[in-house]
């Protein structure tokens, strides 16, 4: 799934939490104009996603999907819970 961190009327971090609560195995490619370090701080504890800095081209978008990791919940953690990880 391609997800923008900043959308009109929506918070991409909250959308990501909702996605994880519904299906923890969805692969997410997060795009943002913010730095990867800033995004990592903002998403702390929401699992791993691939990151794509805006603006981007088709040539960088397509390989970004190949980097999307599967989210794996540690034993005992409910979907949407704090599962650690970060951005790769």
N, C-alpha and C. Protein backbone atom coordinates (compact mmCIF):
# COMPACT_ATOMS: atom_id res chain seq x y z
N UNK A 1 0.84 -1.16 0.00
CA UNK A 1 0.00 0.00 0.00
C UNK A 1 0.90 1.23 0.00
N UNK A 2 0.56 2.19 -0.82
CA UNK A 2 1.27 3.47 -0.86
C UNK A 2 0.50 4.43 0.03
N UNK A 3 1.16 5.00 1.02
CA UNK A 3 0.51 5.87 2.01
C UNK A 3 1.31 7.14 2.19
N UNK A 4 0.63 8.28 2.08
CA UNK A 4 1.27 9.57 2.33
C UNK A 4 1.14 9.88 3.82
N UNK A 5 2.20 10.39 4.41
CA UNK A 5 2.17 10.72 5.83
C UNK A 5 1.28 11.92 6.11
N UNK A 6 1.26 12.88 5.19
CA UNK A 6 0.49 14.10 5.40
C UNK A 6 -0.56 14.23 4.31
N UNK A 7 -1.83 14.17 4.72
CA UNK A 7 -2.94 14.27 3.78
C UNK A 7 -3.94 15.28 4.34
N UNK A 8 -4.68 15.96 3.47
CA UNK A 8 -5.69 16.90 3.96
C UNK A 8 -6.74 16.19 4.81
N UNK A 9 -6.87 16.61 6.05
CA UNK A 9 -7.88 16.04 6.93
C UNK A 9 -7.54 14.70 7.53
N UNK A 10 -6.40 14.13 7.18
CA UNK A 10 -6.01 12.82 7.69
C UNK A 10 -4.58 12.86 8.20
N UNK A 11 -4.31 12.06 9.19
CA UNK A 11 -2.96 11.88 9.71
C UNK A 11 -2.49 10.50 9.26
N UNK A 12 -1.45 10.47 8.42
CA UNK A 12 -0.95 9.19 7.90
C UNK A 12 -0.53 8.22 8.99
N UNK A 13 -0.01 8.74 10.11
CA UNK A 13 0.38 7.87 11.23
C UNK A 13 -0.85 7.17 11.81
N UNK A 14 -1.95 7.89 11.93
CA UNK A 14 -3.18 7.30 12.45
C UNK A 14 -3.75 6.29 11.45
N UNK A 15 -3.69 6.62 10.16
CA UNK A 15 -4.15 5.69 9.13
C UNK A 15 -3.33 4.40 9.20
N UNK A 16 -2.03 4.53 9.39
CA UNK A 16 -1.17 3.35 9.50
C UNK A 16 -1.58 2.48 10.70
N UNK A 17 -1.88 3.11 11.84
CA UNK A 17 -2.35 2.35 13.02
C UNK A 17 -3.63 1.59 12.70
N UNK A 18 -4.55 2.24 12.00
CA UNK A 18 -5.82 1.59 11.64
C UNK A 18 -5.59 0.43 10.67
N UNK A 19 -4.70 0.63 9.71
CA UNK A 19 -4.38 -0.44 8.77
C UNK A 19 -3.82 -1.64 9.51
N UNK A 20 -2.88 -1.41 10.42
CA UNK A 20 -2.27 -2.50 11.19
C UNK A 20 -3.30 -3.22 12.06
N UNK A 21 -4.29 -2.48 12.57
CA UNK A 21 -5.31 -3.10 13.40
C UNK A 21 -6.21 -4.03 12.59
N UNK A 22 -6.43 -3.69 11.33
CA UNK A 22 -7.29 -4.50 10.46
C UNK A 22 -6.52 -5.66 9.86
N UNK A 23 -5.30 -5.39 9.38
CA UNK A 23 -4.50 -6.43 8.74
C UNK A 23 -3.02 -6.11 8.96
N UNK A 24 -2.43 -6.79 9.91
CA UNK A 24 -1.05 -6.52 10.30
C UNK A 24 -0.03 -6.91 9.23
N UNK A 25 -0.45 -7.69 8.24
CA UNK A 25 0.49 -8.14 7.21
C UNK A 25 0.53 -7.26 5.97
N UNK A 26 -0.23 -6.17 5.95
CA UNK A 26 -0.20 -5.27 4.79
C UNK A 26 1.18 -4.63 4.69
N UNK A 27 1.75 -4.69 3.51
CA UNK A 27 3.03 -4.04 3.26
C UNK A 27 2.77 -2.58 2.92
N UNK A 28 3.52 -1.69 3.56
CA UNK A 28 3.29 -0.26 3.40
C UNK A 28 4.54 0.44 2.89
N UNK A 29 4.35 1.24 1.84
CA UNK A 29 5.38 2.13 1.34
C UNK A 29 4.92 3.53 1.70
N UNK A 30 5.59 4.14 2.65
CA UNK A 30 5.21 5.44 3.17
C UNK A 30 5.97 6.53 2.45
N UNK A 31 5.25 7.53 1.95
CA UNK A 31 5.92 8.64 1.27
C UNK A 31 5.73 9.91 2.10
N UNK A 32 6.76 10.75 2.06
CA UNK A 32 6.71 12.00 2.80
C UNK A 32 7.77 12.96 2.30
N UNK A 33 7.50 14.24 2.45
CA UNK A 33 8.49 15.26 2.16
C UNK A 33 9.39 15.52 3.35
N UNK A 34 9.01 14.98 4.52
CA UNK A 34 9.84 15.09 5.72
C UNK A 34 11.03 14.14 5.60
N UNK A 35 12.05 14.38 6.40
CA UNK A 35 13.21 13.49 6.38
C UNK A 35 12.83 12.12 6.95
N UNK A 36 13.58 11.13 6.56
CA UNK A 36 13.32 9.77 7.06
C UNK A 36 13.47 9.72 8.57
N UNK A 37 14.44 10.45 9.13
CA UNK A 37 14.63 10.47 10.58
C UNK A 37 13.43 11.07 11.29
N UNK A 38 12.87 12.17 10.75
CA UNK A 38 11.68 12.78 11.35
C UNK A 38 10.49 11.82 11.32
N UNK A 39 10.34 11.13 10.21
CA UNK A 39 9.24 10.18 10.07
C UNK A 39 9.42 9.01 11.03
N UNK A 40 10.64 8.53 11.17
CA UNK A 40 10.92 7.43 12.09
C UNK A 40 10.50 7.80 13.51
N UNK A 41 10.82 9.01 13.94
CA UNK A 41 10.41 9.46 15.28
C UNK A 41 8.90 9.51 15.40
N UNK A 42 8.24 9.98 14.38
CA UNK A 42 6.79 10.12 14.41
C UNK A 42 6.07 8.77 14.44
N UNK A 43 6.66 7.77 13.82
CA UNK A 43 6.01 6.46 13.73
C UNK A 43 6.57 5.43 14.72
N UNK A 44 7.32 5.88 15.68
CA UNK A 44 7.94 4.96 16.64
C UNK A 44 6.89 3.99 17.20
N UNK A 45 7.21 2.71 17.12
CA UNK A 45 6.34 1.68 17.66
C UNK A 45 5.23 1.21 16.74
N UNK A 46 5.23 1.65 15.49
CA UNK A 46 4.15 1.26 14.58
C UNK A 46 4.57 0.19 13.58
N UNK A 47 5.71 -0.39 13.80
CA UNK A 47 6.14 -1.43 12.88
C UNK A 47 6.96 -0.87 11.74
N UNK A 48 7.45 -1.76 10.93
CA UNK A 48 8.35 -1.38 9.84
C UNK A 48 7.59 -1.07 8.57
N UNK A 49 8.05 -0.05 7.88
CA UNK A 49 7.53 0.31 6.57
C UNK A 49 8.71 0.70 5.70
N UNK A 50 8.52 0.64 4.40
CA UNK A 50 9.53 1.19 3.49
C UNK A 50 9.24 2.67 3.34
N UNK A 51 10.27 3.47 3.12
CA UNK A 51 10.14 4.92 3.05
C UNK A 51 10.55 5.42 1.68
N UNK A 52 9.80 6.38 1.17
CA UNK A 52 10.09 7.01 -0.11
C UNK A 52 9.97 8.51 0.08
N UNK A 53 11.07 9.21 -0.16
CA UNK A 53 11.09 10.67 0.03
C UNK A 53 10.48 11.36 -1.19
N UNK A 54 9.59 12.33 -0.94
CA UNK A 54 8.99 13.12 -2.02
C UNK A 54 9.86 14.33 -2.31
N UNK A 55 9.91 14.79 -3.53
CA UNK A 55 9.25 14.20 -4.71
C UNK A 55 10.03 12.99 -5.21
N UNK A 56 9.36 12.12 -5.91
CA UNK A 56 10.00 10.93 -6.45
C UNK A 56 9.56 10.74 -7.90
N UNK A 57 10.23 9.84 -8.57
CA UNK A 57 9.92 9.52 -9.96
C UNK A 57 9.40 8.10 -10.05
N UNK A 58 8.89 7.74 -11.20
CA UNK A 58 8.44 6.37 -11.41
C UNK A 58 9.59 5.39 -11.22
N UNK A 59 10.78 5.81 -11.61
CA UNK A 59 11.95 4.94 -11.48
C UNK A 59 12.30 4.65 -10.02
N UNK A 60 11.97 5.55 -9.09
CA UNK A 60 12.24 5.28 -7.67
C UNK A 60 11.02 4.71 -6.96
N UNK A 61 9.82 4.94 -7.51
CA UNK A 61 8.60 4.41 -6.91
C UNK A 61 8.54 2.89 -7.01
N UNK A 62 8.76 2.36 -8.18
CA UNK A 62 8.61 0.92 -8.39
C UNK A 62 9.55 0.09 -7.52
N UNK A 63 10.86 0.43 -7.42
CA UNK A 63 11.73 -0.33 -6.53
C UNK A 63 11.34 -0.17 -5.06
N UNK A 64 10.68 0.94 -4.73
CA UNK A 64 10.24 1.14 -3.34
C UNK A 64 9.30 0.05 -2.88
N UNK A 65 8.43 -0.41 -3.77
CA UNK A 65 7.50 -1.47 -3.39
C UNK A 65 8.24 -2.78 -3.10
N UNK A 66 9.34 -3.02 -3.78
CA UNK A 66 10.12 -4.23 -3.53
C UNK A 66 10.74 -4.21 -2.14
N UNK A 67 10.93 -3.02 -1.56
CA UNK A 67 11.54 -2.90 -0.22
C UNK A 67 10.52 -2.99 0.91
N UNK A 68 9.24 -3.11 0.58
CA UNK A 68 8.21 -3.13 1.62
C UNK A 68 8.30 -4.41 2.45
N UNK A 69 8.64 -4.28 3.72
CA UNK A 69 8.73 -5.47 4.57
C UNK A 69 7.36 -5.90 5.06
N UNK A 70 7.24 -7.14 5.40
CA UNK A 70 6.03 -7.61 6.09
C UNK A 70 6.17 -7.23 7.55
N UNK A 71 5.05 -6.85 8.14
CA UNK A 71 5.02 -6.50 9.56
C UNK A 71 4.77 -7.78 10.34
N UNK A 72 5.58 -8.02 11.31
CA UNK A 72 5.41 -9.21 12.15
C UNK A 72 5.23 -8.79 13.59
N UNK A 73 4.13 -9.23 14.19
CA UNK A 73 3.86 -8.92 15.59
C UNK A 73 4.65 -9.87 16.48
N UNK A 74 5.33 -9.34 17.50
CA UNK A 74 5.95 -10.21 18.48
C UNK A 74 4.86 -10.96 19.25
N UNK A 75 5.19 -12.12 19.77
CA UNK A 75 4.23 -12.90 20.54
C UNK A 75 3.67 -12.05 21.67
N UNK A 76 2.36 -12.11 21.84
CA UNK A 76 1.72 -11.39 22.94
C UNK A 76 1.34 -9.96 22.63
N UNK A 77 1.65 -9.46 21.44
CA UNK A 77 1.30 -8.09 21.08
C UNK A 77 0.10 -8.14 20.16
N UNK A 78 -0.95 -7.40 20.50
CA UNK A 78 -2.15 -7.32 19.69
C UNK A 78 -1.90 -6.45 18.47
N UNK A 79 -2.66 -6.66 17.41
CA UNK A 79 -2.57 -5.82 16.22
C UNK A 79 -2.78 -4.38 16.63
N UNK A 80 -1.96 -3.49 16.09
CA UNK A 80 -2.06 -2.08 16.42
C UNK A 80 -1.28 -1.72 17.67
N UNK A 81 -0.70 -2.70 18.34
CA UNK A 81 0.06 -2.45 19.56
C UNK A 81 1.48 -1.99 19.24
N UNK A 82 2.26 -1.75 20.25
CA UNK A 82 3.63 -1.31 20.07
C UNK A 82 4.49 -2.51 19.71
N UNK A 83 4.88 -2.58 18.45
CA UNK A 83 5.64 -3.74 17.99
C UNK A 83 7.09 -3.38 17.68
N UNK A 84 7.51 -2.18 18.03
CA UNK A 84 8.89 -1.79 17.79
C UNK A 84 9.17 -1.61 16.31
N UNK A 85 10.40 -1.83 15.92
CA UNK A 85 10.75 -1.69 14.52
C UNK A 85 11.10 -0.28 14.17
N UNK A 86 10.97 0.04 12.93
CA UNK A 86 11.30 1.37 12.44
C UNK A 86 11.17 1.39 10.94
N UNK A 87 11.75 2.36 10.34
CA UNK A 87 11.71 2.46 8.90
C UNK A 87 12.97 1.86 8.31
N UNK A 88 12.82 1.17 7.20
CA UNK A 88 13.99 0.68 6.49
C UNK A 88 13.96 1.21 5.09
